[in-house]
PDB file of all heavy atoms in Angstrom:
ATOM      1  N   ASP A   1      23.773  -7.360 -17.583  1.00  0.00           N
ATOM      2  CA  ASP A   1      24.541  -6.810 -18.705  1.00  0.00           C
ATOM      3  C   ASP A   1      23.772  -5.729 -19.457  1.00  0.00           C
ATOM      4  O   ASP A   1      24.331  -5.050 -20.326  1.00  0.00           O
ATOM      5  CB  ASP A   1      24.933  -7.931 -19.674  1.00  0.00           C
ATOM      6  CG  ASP A   1      23.733  -8.678 -20.230  1.00  0.00           C
ATOM      7  OD1 ASP A   1      22.667  -8.656 -19.578  1.00  0.00           O
ATOM      8  OD2 ASP A   1      23.853  -9.291 -21.305  1.00  0.00           O
ATOM      9  N   GLN A   2      22.474  -5.563 -19.124  1.00  0.00           N
ATOM     10  CA  GLN A   2      21.655  -4.541 -19.779  1.00  0.00           C
ATOM     11  C   GLN A   2      21.212  -3.461 -18.805  1.00  0.00           C
ATOM     12  O   GLN A   2      20.292  -2.694 -19.105  1.00  0.00           O
ATOM     13  CB  GLN A   2      20.425  -5.201 -20.423  1.00  0.00           C
ATOM     14  CG  GLN A   2      20.779  -6.284 -21.420  1.00  0.00           C
ATOM     15  CD  GLN A   2      19.565  -6.907 -22.060  1.00  0.00           C
ATOM     16  OE1 GLN A   2      18.776  -6.219 -22.703  1.00  0.00           O
ATOM     17  NE2 GLN A   2      19.399  -8.212 -21.890  1.00  0.00           N
ATOM     18  N   HIS A   3      21.868  -3.419 -17.671  1.00  0.00           N
ATOM     19  CA  HIS A   3      21.453  -2.516 -16.596  1.00  0.00           C
ATOM     20  C   HIS A   3      21.413  -1.050 -17.028  1.00  0.00           C
ATOM     21  O   HIS A   3      20.568  -0.287 -16.556  1.00  0.00           O
ATOM     22  CB  HIS A   3      22.393  -2.676 -15.399  1.00  0.00           C
ATOM     23  CG  HIS A   3      22.027  -1.808 -14.225  1.00  0.00           C
ATOM     24  ND1 HIS A   3      20.930  -2.049 -13.437  1.00  0.00           N
ATOM     25  CD2 HIS A   3      22.599  -0.683 -13.730  1.00  0.00           C
ATOM     26  CE1 HIS A   3      20.837  -1.119 -12.508  1.00  0.00           C
ATOM     27  NE2 HIS A   3      21.838  -0.279 -12.654  1.00  0.00           N
ATOM     28  N   TYR A   4      22.298  -0.659 -17.907  1.00  0.00           N
ATOM     29  CA  TYR A   4      22.384   0.751 -18.308  1.00  0.00           C
ATOM     30  C   TYR A   4      21.635   1.044 -19.607  1.00  0.00           C
ATOM     31  O   TYR A   4      21.742   2.143 -20.153  1.00  0.00           O
ATOM     32  CB  TYR A   4      23.853   1.162 -18.438  1.00  0.00           C
ATOM     33  CG  TYR A   4      24.584   1.102 -17.120  1.00  0.00           C
ATOM     34  CD1 TYR A   4      25.449   0.042 -16.841  1.00  0.00           C
ATOM     35  CD2 TYR A   4      24.383   2.069 -16.142  1.00  0.00           C
ATOM     36  CE1 TYR A   4      26.109  -0.037 -15.617  1.00  0.00           C
ATOM     37  CE2 TYR A   4      25.038   2.000 -14.920  1.00  0.00           C
ATOM     38  CZ  TYR A   4      25.900   0.943 -14.658  1.00  0.00           C
ATOM     39  OH  TYR A   4      26.537   0.869 -13.455  1.00  0.00           O
ATOM     40  N   LEU A   5      20.873   0.076 -20.096  1.00  0.00           N
ATOM     41  CA  LEU A   5      20.099   0.263 -21.319  1.00  0.00           C
ATOM     42  C   LEU A   5      18.653   0.630 -20.986  1.00  0.00           C
ATOM     43  O   LEU A   5      18.125   0.214 -19.944  1.00  0.00           O
ATOM     44  CB  LEU A   5      20.128  -1.009 -22.166  1.00  0.00           C
ATOM     45  CG  LEU A   5      21.505  -1.472 -22.652  1.00  0.00           C
ATOM     46  CD1 LEU A   5      21.377  -2.778 -23.429  1.00  0.00           C
ATOM     47  CD2 LEU A   5      22.162  -0.399 -23.514  1.00  0.00           C
ATOM     48  N   PRO A   6      17.983   1.399 -21.833  1.00  0.00           N
ATOM     49  CA  PRO A   6      16.580   1.769 -21.588  1.00  0.00           C
ATOM     50  C   PRO A   6      15.659   0.555 -21.423  1.00  0.00           C
ATOM     51  O   PRO A   6      14.654   0.630 -20.724  1.00  0.00           O
ATOM     52  CB  PRO A   6      16.218   2.581 -22.833  1.00  0.00           C
ATOM     53  CG  PRO A   6      17.523   3.119 -23.332  1.00  0.00           C
ATOM     54  CD  PRO A   6      18.522   2.045 -23.040  1.00  0.00           C
ATOM     55  N   ALA A   7      16.010  -0.560 -22.062  1.00  0.00           N
ATOM     56  CA  ALA A   7      15.153  -1.752 -22.019  1.00  0.00           C
ATOM     57  C   ALA A   7      15.210  -2.469 -20.673  1.00  0.00           C
ATOM     58  O   ALA A   7      14.364  -3.326 -20.390  1.00  0.00           O
ATOM     59  CB  ALA A   7      15.565  -2.724 -23.126  1.00  0.00           C
ATOM     60  N   TYR A   8      16.187  -2.125 -19.830  1.00  0.00           N
ATOM     61  CA  TYR A   8      16.375  -2.847 -18.565  1.00  0.00           C
ATOM     62  C   TYR A   8      15.122  -2.810 -17.698  1.00  0.00           C
ATOM     63  O   TYR A   8      14.723  -3.834 -17.117  1.00  0.00           O
ATOM     64  CB  TYR A   8      17.562  -2.256 -17.795  1.00  0.00           C
ATOM     65  CG  TYR A   8      17.742  -2.881 -16.427  1.00  0.00           C
ATOM     66  CD1 TYR A   8      18.297  -4.151 -16.296  1.00  0.00           C
ATOM     67  CD2 TYR A   8      17.352  -2.202 -15.260  1.00  0.00           C
ATOM     68  CE1 TYR A   8      18.466  -4.731 -15.039  1.00  0.00           C
ATOM     69  CE2 TYR A   8      17.512  -2.787 -14.015  1.00  0.00           C
ATOM     70  CZ  TYR A   8      18.060  -4.046 -13.906  1.00  0.00           C
ATOM     71  OH  TYR A   8      18.216  -4.633 -12.671  1.00  0.00           O
ATOM     72  N   TYR A   9      14.492  -1.648 -17.615  1.00  0.00           N
ATOM     73  CA  TYR A   9      13.321  -1.527 -16.737  1.00  0.00           C
ATOM     74  C   TYR A   9      12.214  -2.478 -17.154  1.00  0.00           C
ATOM     75  O   TYR A   9      11.608  -3.150 -16.311  1.00  0.00           O
ATOM     76  CB  TYR A   9      12.787  -0.093 -16.725  1.00  0.00           C
ATOM     77  CG  TYR A   9      11.470   0.029 -16.003  1.00  0.00           C
ATOM     78  CD1 TYR A   9      11.409  -0.140 -14.623  1.00  0.00           C
ATOM     79  CD2 TYR A   9      10.285   0.271 -16.705  1.00  0.00           C
ATOM     80  CE1 TYR A   9      10.192  -0.057 -13.959  1.00  0.00           C
ATOM     81  CE2 TYR A   9       9.076   0.358 -16.041  1.00  0.00           C
ATOM     82  CZ  TYR A   9       9.037   0.191 -14.662  1.00  0.00           C
ATOM     83  OH  TYR A   9       7.834   0.256 -14.006  1.00  0.00           O
ATOM     84  N   GLU A  10      11.919  -2.572 -18.434  1.00  0.00           N
ATOM     85  CA  GLU A  10      10.861  -3.465 -18.907  1.00  0.00           C
ATOM     86  C   GLU A  10      11.206  -4.927 -18.649  1.00  0.00           C
ATOM     87  O   GLU A  10      10.309  -5.747 -18.392  1.00  0.00           O
ATOM     88  CB  GLU A  10      10.602  -3.233 -20.396  1.00  0.00           C
ATOM     89  CG  GLU A  10      10.000  -1.873 -20.717  1.00  0.00           C
ATOM     90  CD  GLU A  10       8.653  -1.653 -20.024  1.00  0.00           C
ATOM     91  OE1 GLU A  10       7.899  -2.636 -19.862  1.00  0.00           O
ATOM     92  OE2 GLU A  10       8.369  -0.499 -19.634  1.00  0.00           O
ATOM     93  N   LEU A  11      12.480  -5.259 -18.689  1.00  0.00           N
ATOM     94  CA  LEU A  11      12.910  -6.632 -18.444  1.00  0.00           C
ATOM     95  C   LEU A  11      12.778  -7.005 -16.969  1.00  0.00           C
ATOM     96  O   LEU A  11      12.359  -8.118 -16.633  1.00  0.00           O
ATOM     97  CB  LEU A  11      14.368  -6.821 -18.901  1.00  0.00           C
ATOM     98  CG  LEU A  11      14.632  -6.695 -20.403  1.00  0.00           C
ATOM     99  CD1 LEU A  11      16.130  -6.672 -20.680  1.00  0.00           C
ATOM    100  CD2 LEU A  11      13.968  -7.841 -21.159  1.00  0.00           C
ATOM    101  N   ILE A  12      13.134  -6.076 -16.091  1.00  0.00           N
ATOM    102  CA  ILE A  12      13.135  -6.355 -14.654  1.00  0.00           C
ATOM    103  C   ILE A  12      11.778  -6.098 -14.010  1.00  0.00           C
ATOM    104  O   ILE A  12      11.500  -6.559 -12.894  1.00  0.00           O
ATOM    105  CB  ILE A  12      14.230  -5.506 -13.950  1.00  0.00           C
ATOM    106  CG1 ILE A  12      14.622  -6.112 -12.599  1.00  0.00           C
ATOM    107  CG2 ILE A  12      13.788  -4.067 -13.769  1.00  0.00           C
ATOM    108  CD1 ILE A  12      15.398  -7.389 -12.708  1.00  0.00           C
ATOM    109  N   LYS A  13      10.900  -5.382 -14.704  1.00  0.00           N
ATOM    110  CA  LYS A  13       9.604  -4.970 -14.155  1.00  0.00           C
ATOM    111  C   LYS A  13       8.776  -6.105 -13.557  1.00  0.00           C
ATOM    112  O   LYS A  13       8.225  -5.962 -12.456  1.00  0.00           O
ATOM    113  CB  LYS A  13       8.805  -4.238 -15.233  1.00  0.00           C
ATOM    114  CG  LYS A  13       7.436  -3.752 -14.783  1.00  0.00           C
ATOM    115  CD  LYS A  13       6.716  -3.036 -15.928  1.00  0.00           C
ATOM    116  CE  LYS A  13       5.299  -2.643 -15.526  1.00  0.00           C
ATOM    117  NZ  LYS A  13       4.602  -1.949 -16.644  1.00  0.00           N
ATOM    118  N   PRO A  14       8.652  -7.278 -14.226  1.00  0.00           N
ATOM    119  CA  PRO A  14       7.820  -8.350 -13.648  1.00  0.00           C
ATOM    120  C   PRO A  14       8.328  -8.871 -12.310  1.00  0.00           C
ATOM    121  O   PRO A  14       7.578  -9.543 -11.586  1.00  0.00           O
ATOM    122  CB  PRO A  14       7.884  -9.457 -14.719  1.00  0.00           C
ATOM    123  CG  PRO A  14       8.252  -8.758 -15.979  1.00  0.00           C
ATOM    124  CD  PRO A  14       9.162  -7.651 -15.555  1.00  0.00           C
ATOM    125  N   TYR A  15       9.570  -8.559 -11.960  1.00  0.00           N
ATOM    126  CA  TYR A  15      10.176  -9.105 -10.741  1.00  0.00           C
ATOM    127  C   TYR A  15      10.393  -8.055  -9.660  1.00  0.00           C
ATOM    128  O   TYR A  15      10.964  -8.356  -8.609  1.00  0.00           O
ATOM    129  CB  TYR A  15      11.526  -9.753 -11.102  1.00  0.00           C
ATOM    130  CG  TYR A  15      11.414 -10.781 -12.210  1.00  0.00           C
ATOM    131  CD1 TYR A  15      11.725 -10.447 -13.527  1.00  0.00           C
ATOM    132  CD2 TYR A  15      10.977 -12.074 -11.941  1.00  0.00           C
ATOM    133  CE1 TYR A  15      11.600 -11.377 -14.553  1.00  0.00           C
ATOM    134  CE2 TYR A  15      10.858 -13.012 -12.958  1.00  0.00           C
ATOM    135  CZ  TYR A  15      11.160 -12.655 -14.260  1.00  0.00           C
ATOM    136  OH  TYR A  15      11.037 -13.587 -15.260  1.00  0.00           O
ATOM    137  N   LEU A  16       9.947  -6.820  -9.903  1.00  0.00           N
ATOM    138  CA  LEU A  16      10.233  -5.723  -8.972  1.00  0.00           C
ATOM    139  C   LEU A  16       9.559  -5.896  -7.605  1.00  0.00           C
ATOM    140  O   LEU A  16       9.926  -5.210  -6.660  1.00  0.00           O
ATOM    141  CB  LEU A  16       9.807  -4.384  -9.580  1.00  0.00           C
ATOM    142  CG  LEU A  16      10.728  -3.820 -10.664  1.00  0.00           C
ATOM    143  CD1 LEU A  16      10.174  -2.521 -11.222  1.00  0.00           C
ATOM    144  CD2 LEU A  16      12.142  -3.596 -10.113  1.00  0.00           C
ATOM    145  N   GLY A  17       8.599  -6.805  -7.505  1.00  0.00           N
ATOM    146  CA  GLY A  17       7.973  -7.051  -6.215  1.00  0.00           C
ATOM    147  C   GLY A  17       8.933  -7.606  -5.181  1.00  0.00           C
ATOM    148  O   GLY A  17       8.615  -7.638  -3.989  1.00  0.00           O
ATOM    149  N   GLY A  18      10.110  -8.023  -5.631  1.00  0.00           N
ATOM    150  CA  GLY A  18      11.118  -8.528  -4.702  1.00  0.00           C
ATOM    151  C   GLY A  18      12.322  -7.619  -4.575  1.00  0.00           C
ATOM    152  O   GLY A  18      13.335  -7.990  -3.976  1.00  0.00           O
ATOM    153  N   ALA A  19      12.228  -6.419  -5.118  1.00  0.00           N
ATOM    154  CA  ALA A  19      13.381  -5.501  -5.138  1.00  0.00           C
ATOM    155  C   ALA A  19      13.589  -4.823  -3.783  1.00  0.00           C
ATOM    156  O   ALA A  19      12.634  -4.314  -3.198  1.00  0.00           O
ATOM    157  CB  ALA A  19      13.194  -4.446  -6.213  1.00  0.00           C
ATOM    158  N   PRO A  20      14.820  -4.784  -3.287  1.00  0.00           N
ATOM    159  CA  PRO A  20      15.106  -4.037  -2.065  1.00  0.00           C
ATOM    160  C   PRO A  20      15.098  -2.542  -2.333  1.00  0.00           C
ATOM    161  O   PRO A  20      15.183  -2.107  -3.489  1.00  0.00           O
ATOM    162  CB  PRO A  20      16.510  -4.526  -1.669  1.00  0.00           C
ATOM    163  CG  PRO A  20      17.135  -4.912  -2.975  1.00  0.00           C
ATOM    164  CD  PRO A  20      16.023  -5.474  -3.816  1.00  0.00           C
ATOM    165  N   ALA A  21      15.006  -1.752  -1.280  1.00  0.00           N
ATOM    166  CA  ALA A  21      14.903  -0.302  -1.414  1.00  0.00           C
ATOM    167  C   ALA A  21      16.092   0.295  -2.154  1.00  0.00           C
ATOM    168  O   ALA A  21      15.924   1.215  -2.967  1.00  0.00           O
ATOM    169  CB  ALA A  21      14.767   0.341  -0.033  1.00  0.00           C
ATOM    170  N   VAL A  22      17.282  -0.215  -1.919  1.00  0.00           N
ATOM    171  CA  VAL A  22      18.481   0.365  -2.538  1.00  0.00           C
ATOM    172  C   VAL A  22      18.413   0.266  -4.060  1.00  0.00           C
ATOM    173  O   VAL A  22      18.852   1.193  -4.765  1.00  0.00           O
ATOM    174  CB  VAL A  22      19.761  -0.335  -1.997  1.00  0.00           C
ATOM    175  CG1 VAL A  22      19.780  -1.816  -2.348  1.00  0.00           C
ATOM    176  CG2 VAL A  22      21.010   0.364  -2.507  1.00  0.00           C
ATOM    177  N   ASP A  23      17.830  -0.818  -4.583  1.00  0.00           N
ATOM    178  CA  ASP A  23      17.722  -0.962  -6.037  1.00  0.00           C
ATOM    179  C   ASP A  23      16.650  -0.028  -6.604  1.00  0.00           C
ATOM    180  O   ASP A  23      16.794   0.500  -7.713  1.00  0.00           O
ATOM    181  CB  ASP A  23      17.382  -2.411  -6.391  1.00  0.00           C
ATOM    182  CG  ASP A  23      18.563  -3.347  -6.179  1.00  0.00           C
ATOM    183  OD1 ASP A  23      19.632  -2.864  -5.747  1.00  0.00           O
ATOM    184  OD2 ASP A  23      18.429  -4.548  -6.449  1.00  0.00           O
ATOM    185  N   LEU A  24      15.580   0.182  -5.844  1.00  0.00           N
ATOM    186  CA  LEU A  24      14.529   1.100  -6.299  1.00  0.00           C
ATOM    187  C   LEU A  24      15.033   2.542  -6.296  1.00  0.00           C
ATOM    188  O   LEU A  24      14.687   3.329  -7.181  1.00  0.00           O
ATOM    189  CB  LEU A  24      13.303   0.965  -5.405  1.00  0.00           C
ATOM    190  CG  LEU A  24      12.589  -0.396  -5.462  1.00  0.00           C
ATOM    191  CD1 LEU A  24      11.493  -0.461  -4.404  1.00  0.00           C
ATOM    192  CD2 LEU A  24      12.004  -0.640  -6.845  1.00  0.00           C
ATOM    193  N   LYS A  25      15.851   2.874  -5.306  1.00  0.00           N
ATOM    194  CA  LYS A  25      16.416   4.215  -5.248  1.00  0.00           C
ATOM    195  C   LYS A  25      17.321   4.462  -6.461  1.00  0.00           C
ATOM    196  O   LYS A  25      17.331   5.554  -7.038  1.00  0.00           O
ATOM    197  CB  LYS A  25      17.215   4.390  -3.949  1.00  0.00           C
ATOM    198  CG  LYS A  25      16.339   4.459  -2.696  1.00  0.00           C
ATOM    199  CD  LYS A  25      17.194   4.527  -1.430  1.00  0.00           C
ATOM    200  CE  LYS A  25      16.351   4.566  -0.172  1.00  0.00           C
ATOM    201  NZ  LYS A  25      15.592   5.812  -0.037  1.00  0.00           N
ATOM    202  N   ALA A  26      18.067   3.435  -6.849  1.00  0.00           N
ATOM    203  CA  ALA A  26      18.925   3.555  -8.034  1.00  0.00           C
ATOM    204  C   ALA A  26      18.072   3.667  -9.292  1.00  0.00           C
ATOM    205  O   ALA A  26      18.372   4.451 -10.205  1.00  0.00           O
ATOM    206  CB  ALA A  26      19.855   2.345  -8.125  1.00  0.00           C
ATOM    207  N   LEU A  27      16.983   2.915  -9.342  1.00  0.00           N
ATOM    208  CA  LEU A  27      16.095   2.925 -10.505  1.00  0.00           C
ATOM    209  C   LEU A  27      15.399   4.276 -10.671  1.00  0.00           C
ATOM    210  O   LEU A  27      15.053   4.673 -11.784  1.00  0.00           O
ATOM    211  CB  LEU A  27      15.054   1.816 -10.345  1.00  0.00           C
ATOM    212  CG  LEU A  27      14.339   1.316 -11.613  1.00  0.00           C
ATOM    213  CD1 LEU A  27      15.348   0.740 -12.599  1.00  0.00           C
ATOM    214  CD2 LEU A  27      13.301   0.275 -11.238  1.00  0.00           C
ATOM    215  N   SER A  28      15.216   4.986  -9.553  1.00  0.00           N
ATOM    216  CA  SER A  28      14.536   6.278  -9.612  1.00  0.00           C
ATOM    217  C   SER A  28      15.333   7.320 -10.390  1.00  0.00           C
ATOM    218  O   SER A  28      14.797   8.370 -10.756  1.00  0.00           O
ATOM    219  CB  SER A  28      14.255   6.796  -8.193  1.00  0.00           C
ATOM    220  OG  SER A  28      15.455   7.186  -7.535  1.00  0.00           O
ATOM    221  N   LYS A  29      16.582   7.031 -10.658  1.00  0.00           N
ATOM    222  CA  LYS A  29      17.437   7.972 -11.388  1.00  0.00           C
ATOM    223  C   LYS A  29      17.423   7.713 -12.897  1.00  0.00           C
ATOM    224  O   LYS A  29      18.106   8.409 -13.653  1.00  0.00           O
ATOM    225  CB  LYS A  29      18.874   7.885 -10.870  1.00  0.00           C
ATOM    226  CG  LYS A  29      19.002   8.152  -9.374  1.00  0.00           C
ATOM    227  CD  LYS A  29      20.419   7.910  -8.879  1.00  0.00           C
ATOM    228  CE  LYS A  29      20.531   8.104  -7.374  1.00  0.00           C
ATOM    229  NZ  LYS A  29      21.908   7.826  -6.886  1.00  0.00           N
TER     230      LYS A  29
END
């Protein structure tokens, strides 16, 4: 529910070691 907020990255950051490539590509934007 916070995907489009600036705070989303800091919230999801501790778990990014399990992120698939498609989610990282989206995050790069």
